């Protein structure tokens, strides 16, 4: 059985998630261009999502 493929997705607030590659993306989420196994995608999110605050909060505080 083939391993499931996932995409790393990001919304307009620059919050990250993973999404099954064979499903249509939900409204407001965009493909970041990274795909892989669930574990690979979660590791990538851990690497790139260094500030968990939504973009609007970061901008308001800067």
N, C-alpha and C. Protein backbone atom coordinates (compact mmCIF):
# COMPACT_ATOMS: atom_id res chain seq x y z
N UNK A 1 0.85 -1.19 0.00
CA UNK A 1 0.00 0.00 0.00
C UNK A 1 0.89 1.25 0.00
N UNK A 2 0.58 2.19 -0.85
CA UNK A 2 1.39 3.41 -0.99
C UNK A 2 1.18 4.33 0.22
N UNK A 3 2.25 5.00 0.58
CA UNK A 3 2.18 5.96 1.69
C UNK A 3 1.42 7.20 1.24
N UNK A 4 0.59 7.75 2.11
CA UNK A 4 -0.17 8.96 1.79
C UNK A 4 0.77 10.14 1.62
N UNK A 5 0.43 11.02 0.69
CA UNK A 5 1.21 12.24 0.44
C UNK A 5 0.43 13.42 1.00
N UNK A 6 1.18 14.36 1.56
CA UNK A 6 0.59 15.55 2.15
C UNK A 6 1.26 16.79 1.58
N UNK A 7 0.57 17.91 1.71
CA UNK A 7 1.09 19.22 1.32
C UNK A 7 1.21 20.06 2.58
N UNK A 8 2.19 20.95 2.60
CA UNK A 8 2.25 21.97 3.64
C UNK A 8 1.48 23.16 3.08
N UNK A 9 0.53 23.64 3.86
CA UNK A 9 -0.32 24.75 3.43
C UNK A 9 -0.21 25.88 4.44
N UNK A 10 -0.53 27.10 3.96
CA UNK A 10 -0.46 28.29 4.82
C UNK A 10 -1.65 29.17 4.51
N UNK A 11 -2.19 29.82 5.53
CA UNK A 11 -3.30 30.74 5.30
C UNK A 11 -2.79 32.18 5.25
N UNK A 12 -3.70 33.13 5.08
CA UNK A 12 -3.32 34.53 4.94
C UNK A 12 -2.72 35.11 6.22
N UNK A 13 -2.95 34.46 7.35
CA UNK A 13 -2.36 34.89 8.62
C UNK A 13 -1.00 34.22 8.85
N UNK A 14 -0.51 33.51 7.82
CA UNK A 14 0.78 32.82 7.85
C UNK A 14 0.83 31.73 8.92
N UNK A 15 -0.30 31.06 9.11
CA UNK A 15 -0.38 29.89 9.98
C UNK A 15 -0.27 28.67 9.08
N UNK A 16 0.43 27.66 9.54
CA UNK A 16 0.73 26.48 8.73
C UNK A 16 -0.09 25.28 9.16
N UNK A 17 -0.28 24.38 8.22
CA UNK A 17 -0.92 23.10 8.49
C UNK A 17 -0.48 22.12 7.41
N UNK A 18 -0.91 20.88 7.53
CA UNK A 18 -0.69 19.93 6.45
C UNK A 18 -2.06 19.48 5.95
N UNK A 19 -2.08 19.07 4.68
CA UNK A 19 -3.34 18.71 4.03
C UNK A 19 -3.08 17.55 3.09
N UNK A 20 -4.00 16.63 3.03
CA UNK A 20 -3.87 15.48 2.14
C UNK A 20 -3.75 15.96 0.69
N UNK A 21 -2.73 15.47 -0.01
CA UNK A 21 -2.46 15.93 -1.38
C UNK A 21 -3.56 15.58 -2.36
N UNK A 22 -4.38 14.59 -2.03
CA UNK A 22 -5.43 14.19 -2.97
C UNK A 22 -6.77 14.88 -2.71
N UNK A 23 -6.78 15.86 -1.83
CA UNK A 23 -8.01 16.61 -1.54
C UNK A 23 -7.85 18.06 -1.97
N UNK A 24 -8.96 18.68 -2.34
CA UNK A 24 -8.95 20.10 -2.69
C UNK A 24 -8.67 20.92 -1.44
N UNK A 25 -7.87 21.97 -1.60
CA UNK A 25 -7.54 22.82 -0.45
C UNK A 25 -8.79 23.57 0.02
N UNK A 26 -8.93 23.73 1.33
CA UNK A 26 -10.06 24.51 1.84
C UNK A 26 -9.86 25.99 1.53
N UNK A 27 -10.94 26.73 1.52
CA UNK A 27 -10.90 28.17 1.23
C UNK A 27 -9.95 28.86 2.21
N UNK A 28 -9.15 29.76 1.68
CA UNK A 28 -8.24 30.54 2.51
C UNK A 28 -6.88 29.91 2.76
N UNK A 29 -6.65 28.72 2.26
CA UNK A 29 -5.37 28.04 2.44
C UNK A 29 -4.67 27.91 1.10
N UNK A 30 -3.33 28.02 1.10
CA UNK A 30 -2.53 28.02 -0.11
C UNK A 30 -1.39 27.01 0.01
N UNK A 31 -1.10 26.34 -1.07
CA UNK A 31 0.01 25.37 -1.13
C UNK A 31 1.33 26.13 -1.05
N UNK A 32 2.23 25.71 -0.16
CA UNK A 32 3.54 26.36 -0.03
C UNK A 32 4.58 25.78 -0.98
N UNK A 33 4.22 24.67 -1.65
CA UNK A 33 5.16 24.04 -2.56
C UNK A 33 5.93 22.88 -1.94
N UNK A 34 5.70 22.59 -0.67
CA UNK A 34 6.38 21.47 -0.03
C UNK A 34 5.40 20.31 0.09
N UNK A 35 5.81 19.12 -0.33
CA UNK A 35 4.99 17.92 -0.24
C UNK A 35 5.85 16.77 0.24
N UNK A 36 5.22 15.80 0.89
CA UNK A 36 5.94 14.62 1.35
C UNK A 36 5.06 13.77 2.22
N UNK A 37 5.69 12.91 2.99
CA UNK A 37 4.94 12.08 3.95
C UNK A 37 4.43 12.99 5.07
N UNK A 38 3.55 12.46 5.88
CA UNK A 38 3.03 13.24 7.00
C UNK A 38 4.18 13.70 7.89
N UNK A 39 5.09 12.79 8.18
CA UNK A 39 6.22 13.12 9.06
C UNK A 39 7.13 14.18 8.44
N UNK A 40 7.40 14.07 7.14
CA UNK A 40 8.24 15.07 6.45
C UNK A 40 7.57 16.44 6.48
N UNK A 41 6.28 16.47 6.24
CA UNK A 41 5.57 17.75 6.24
C UNK A 41 5.53 18.37 7.63
N UNK A 42 5.29 17.56 8.64
CA UNK A 42 5.29 18.10 10.01
C UNK A 42 6.67 18.61 10.40
N UNK A 43 7.72 17.92 9.99
CA UNK A 43 9.08 18.39 10.26
C UNK A 43 9.34 19.71 9.55
N UNK A 44 8.86 19.85 8.33
CA UNK A 44 9.04 21.10 7.58
C UNK A 44 8.30 22.24 8.28
N UNK A 45 7.08 21.99 8.73
CA UNK A 45 6.32 23.02 9.45
C UNK A 45 7.08 23.44 10.70
N UNK A 46 7.62 22.48 11.45
CA UNK A 46 8.41 22.81 12.64
C UNK A 46 9.60 23.70 12.30
N UNK A 47 10.18 23.49 11.13
CA UNK A 47 11.35 24.26 10.71
C UNK A 47 10.99 25.68 10.28
N UNK A 48 9.89 25.85 9.55
CA UNK A 48 9.59 27.16 8.97
C UNK A 48 8.64 28.01 9.79
N UNK A 49 7.84 27.41 10.65
CA UNK A 49 6.87 28.18 11.43
C UNK A 49 7.47 28.48 12.79
N UNK A 50 8.29 29.52 12.84
CA UNK A 50 9.05 29.83 14.04
C UNK A 50 8.33 30.78 14.99
N UNK A 51 7.34 31.49 14.49
CA UNK A 51 6.57 32.43 15.32
C UNK A 51 5.10 32.06 15.16
N UNK A 52 4.51 31.50 16.19
CA UNK A 52 3.14 30.98 16.11
C UNK A 52 2.07 32.07 16.09
N UNK A 53 2.45 33.30 16.36
CA UNK A 53 1.44 34.36 16.37
C UNK A 53 0.95 34.62 14.94
N UNK A 54 -0.36 34.85 14.79
CA UNK A 54 -0.88 35.21 13.47
C UNK A 54 -0.20 36.49 12.96
N UNK A 55 -0.11 36.61 11.64
CA UNK A 55 0.55 37.76 11.03
C UNK A 55 -0.02 39.08 11.54
N UNK A 56 -1.36 39.19 11.65
CA UNK A 56 -1.97 40.44 12.08
C UNK A 56 -1.52 40.82 13.49
N UNK A 57 -1.33 39.86 14.38
CA UNK A 57 -0.86 40.14 15.73
C UNK A 57 0.60 40.60 15.69
N UNK A 58 1.44 39.90 14.92
CA UNK A 58 2.85 40.31 14.81
C UNK A 58 2.96 41.74 14.29
N UNK A 59 2.17 42.06 13.27
CA UNK A 59 2.23 43.41 12.70
C UNK A 59 1.73 44.46 13.68
N UNK A 60 0.69 44.14 14.44
CA UNK A 60 0.15 45.09 15.41
C UNK A 60 1.14 45.37 16.53
N UNK A 61 1.96 44.38 16.87
CA UNK A 61 2.92 44.53 17.96
C UNK A 61 4.27 45.10 17.52
N UNK A 62 4.47 45.24 16.22
CA UNK A 62 5.78 45.75 15.78
C UNK A 62 5.77 47.23 15.53
